[in-house]
Amino acid sequence: MFRDEGEADRAWQSGVLGFVPPAPGELPPGLNRGTGTGLGLSSWTYTRTPVQLACWHKSVFVALVVLTNLDATAFKTATAAVDARLN
């Protein structure tokens, strides 16, 4: 949790644990950024079997979820459950 939304956004832009968001327009295979992730504008997801990552900023929080050996539906369910807890 950060002091304010601006601080959280700056932290997200700088990267979390070395995972920096891709630049807009630079989307290699398996990488999605923005609202298409289902996690809001400040988000990105990456899928490369068997690993799936999601990182996003919401309010004063920055979340990083790393999952392995799950199908796409379970990944979306897991990230949606985390997102719902970020108020």
C-alpha atoms as a PDB file:
ATOM      1  CA  MET A   1       0.000   0.000   0.000  1.00  0.00           C
ATOM      2  CA  PHE A   2       1.273   3.431  -0.950  1.00  0.00           C
ATOM      3  CA  ARG A   3       0.503   6.838   0.539  1.00  0.00           C
ATOM      4  CA  ASP A   4      -1.531   7.946  -2.452  1.00  0.00           C
ATOM      5  CA  GLU A   5      -2.580   6.871  -5.929  1.00  0.00           C
ATOM      6  CA  GLY A   6       0.169   8.908  -7.612  1.00  0.00           C
ATOM      7  CA  GLU A   7       2.865   7.136  -5.602  1.00  0.00           C
ATOM      8  CA  ALA A   8       1.344   3.757  -6.445  1.00  0.00           C
ATOM      9  CA  ASP A   9       1.238   4.636 -10.145  1.00  0.00           C
ATOM     10  CA  ARG A  10       4.895   5.735 -10.127  1.00  0.00           C
ATOM     11  CA  ALA A  11       5.854   2.466  -8.431  1.00  0.00           C
ATOM     12  CA  TRP A  12       3.890   0.471 -11.013  1.00  0.00           C
ATOM     13  CA  GLN A  13       5.519   2.405 -13.883  1.00  0.00           C
ATOM     14  CA  SER A  14       8.977   1.730 -12.379  1.00  0.00           C
ATOM     15  CA  GLY A  15       8.293  -1.987 -12.122  1.00  0.00           C
ATOM     16  CA  VAL A  16       7.555  -4.457  -9.378  1.00  0.00           C
ATOM     17  CA  LEU A  17      10.287  -6.915  -8.386  1.00  0.00           C
ATOM     18  CA  GLY A  18      11.996  -6.221 -11.712  1.00  0.00           C
ATOM     19  CA  PHE A  19       8.825  -6.667 -13.800  1.00  0.00           C
ATOM     20  CA  VAL A  20       8.483  -3.367 -15.667  1.00  0.00           C
ATOM     21  CA  PRO A  21       5.307  -2.731 -17.659  1.00  0.00           C
ATOM     22  CA  PRO A  22       5.785  -2.889 -21.417  1.00  0.00           C
ATOM     23  CA  ALA A  23       5.808   0.371 -23.314  1.00  0.00           C
ATOM     24  CA  PRO A  24       2.532   1.105 -25.103  1.00  0.00           C
ATOM     25  CA  GLY A  25       2.681  -0.418 -28.564  1.00  0.00           C
ATOM     26  CA  GLU A  26       5.471  -2.852 -27.640  1.00  0.00           C
ATOM     27  CA  LEU A  27       3.625  -6.086 -27.116  1.00  0.00           C
ATOM     28  CA  PRO A  28       5.554  -9.263 -27.859  1.00  0.00           C
ATOM     29  CA  PRO A  29       3.611 -12.548 -28.073  1.00  0.00           C
ATOM     30  CA  GLY A  30       1.880 -13.507 -24.842  1.00  0.00           C
ATOM     31  CA  LEU A  31       1.873  -9.961 -23.450  1.00  0.00           C
ATOM     32  CA  ASN A  32      -1.226  -7.794 -23.013  1.00  0.00           C
ATOM     33  CA  ARG A  33      -1.461  -4.300 -21.579  1.00  0.00           C
ATOM     34  CA  GLY A  34      -4.360  -2.112 -20.498  1.00  0.00           C
ATOM     35  CA  THR A  35      -8.062  -2.681 -20.296  1.00  0.00           C
ATOM     36  CA  GLY A  36      -7.910  -5.861 -22.399  1.00  0.00           C
ATOM     37  CA  THR A  37      -6.426  -7.609 -19.367  1.00  0.00           C
ATOM     38  CA  GLY A  38      -9.634  -7.103 -17.409  1.00  0.00           C
ATOM     39  CA  LEU A  39      -7.594  -5.390 -14.666  1.00  0.00           C
ATOM     40  CA  GLY A  40      -7.834  -1.775 -15.754  1.00  0.00           C
ATOM     41  CA  LEU A  41      -5.767   0.696 -17.747  1.00  0.00           C
ATOM     42  CA  SER A  42      -2.624   0.385 -15.591  1.00  0.00           C
ATOM     43  CA  SER A  43      -2.139  -3.351 -16.010  1.00  0.00           C
ATOM     44  CA  TRP A  44      -0.308  -5.986 -17.989  1.00  0.00           C
ATOM     45  CA  THR A  45      -0.442  -9.751 -18.212  1.00  0.00           C
ATOM     46  CA  TYR A  46       2.015 -12.232 -19.656  1.00  0.00           C
ATOM     47  CA  THR A  47       1.418 -15.846 -20.539  1.00  0.00           C
ATOM     48  CA  ARG A  48       4.122 -18.319 -21.453  1.00  0.00           C
ATOM     49  CA  THR A  49       3.221 -21.860 -20.590  1.00  0.00           C
ATOM     50  CA  PRO A  50       3.337 -22.899 -17.800  1.00  0.00           C
ATOM     51  CA  VAL A  51       3.737 -19.422 -16.202  1.00  0.00           C
ATOM     52  CA  GLN A  52       1.239 -16.571 -16.137  1.00  0.00           C
ATOM     53  CA  LEU A  53       1.908 -13.141 -14.623  1.00  0.00           C
ATOM     54  CA  ALA A  54      -0.313 -10.171 -13.968  1.00  0.00           C
ATOM     55  CA  CYS A  55       0.720  -6.800 -12.603  1.00  0.00           C
ATOM     56  CA  TRP A  56      -1.570  -3.847 -12.074  1.00  0.00           C
ATOM     57  CA  HIS A  57      -2.122  -0.646 -10.155  1.00  0.00           C
ATOM     58  CA  LYS A  58      -5.447   0.110  -8.510  1.00  0.00           C
ATOM     59  CA  SER A  59      -5.984   2.994  -6.116  1.00  0.00           C
ATOM     60  CA  VAL A  60      -3.081   2.958  -3.609  1.00  0.00           C
ATOM     61  CA  PHE A  61      -2.137  -0.656  -4.361  1.00  0.00           C
ATOM     62  CA  VAL A  62       0.145  -2.424  -6.831  1.00  0.00           C
ATOM     63  CA  ALA A  63      -0.455  -6.145  -7.304  1.00  0.00           C
ATOM     64  CA  LEU A  64       1.781  -8.801  -8.826  1.00  0.00           C
ATOM     65  CA  VAL A  65       0.363 -12.288  -9.312  1.00  0.00           C
ATOM     66  CA  VAL A  66       2.482 -15.164 -10.614  1.00  0.00           C
ATOM     67  CA  LEU A  67       0.805 -18.512 -11.251  1.00  0.00           C
ATOM     68  CA  THR A  68       1.902 -21.751 -12.848  1.00  0.00           C
ATOM     69  CA  ASN A  69       0.122 -24.720 -14.363  1.00  0.00           C
ATOM     70  CA  LEU A  70      -3.344 -23.146 -14.484  1.00  0.00           C
ATOM     71  CA  ASP A  71      -5.616 -22.678 -17.453  1.00  0.00           C
ATOM     72  CA  ALA A  72      -6.691 -19.229 -18.661  1.00  0.00           C
ATOM     73  CA  THR A  73     -10.015 -19.387 -16.813  1.00  0.00           C
ATOM     74  CA  ALA A  74      -8.359 -20.146 -13.468  1.00  0.00           C
ATOM     75  CA  PHE A  75      -5.845 -17.344 -14.074  1.00  0.00           C
ATOM     76  CA  LYS A  76      -8.642 -14.824 -14.745  1.00  0.00           C
ATOM     77  CA  THR A  77     -10.533 -16.053 -11.677  1.00  0.00           C
ATOM     78  CA  ALA A  78      -7.444 -15.679  -9.465  1.00  0.00           C
ATOM     79  CA  THR A  79      -6.566 -12.185 -10.689  1.00  0.00           C
ATOM     80  CA  ALA A  80     -10.201 -11.071 -10.406  1.00  0.00           C
ATOM     81  CA  ALA A  81     -10.283 -12.311  -6.791  1.00  0.00           C
ATOM     82  CA  VAL A  82      -7.137 -10.307  -5.939  1.00  0.00           C
ATOM     83  CA  ASP A  83      -8.454  -7.253  -7.786  1.00  0.00           C
ATOM     84  CA  ALA A  84     -11.707  -7.356  -5.811  1.00  0.00           C
ATOM     85  CA  ARG A  85      -9.705  -7.063  -2.570  1.00  0.00           C
ATOM     86  CA  LEU A  86      -7.893  -3.890  -3.662  1.00  0.00           C
ATOM     87  CA  ASN A  87      -9.997  -0.979  -2.438  1.00  0.00           C
END
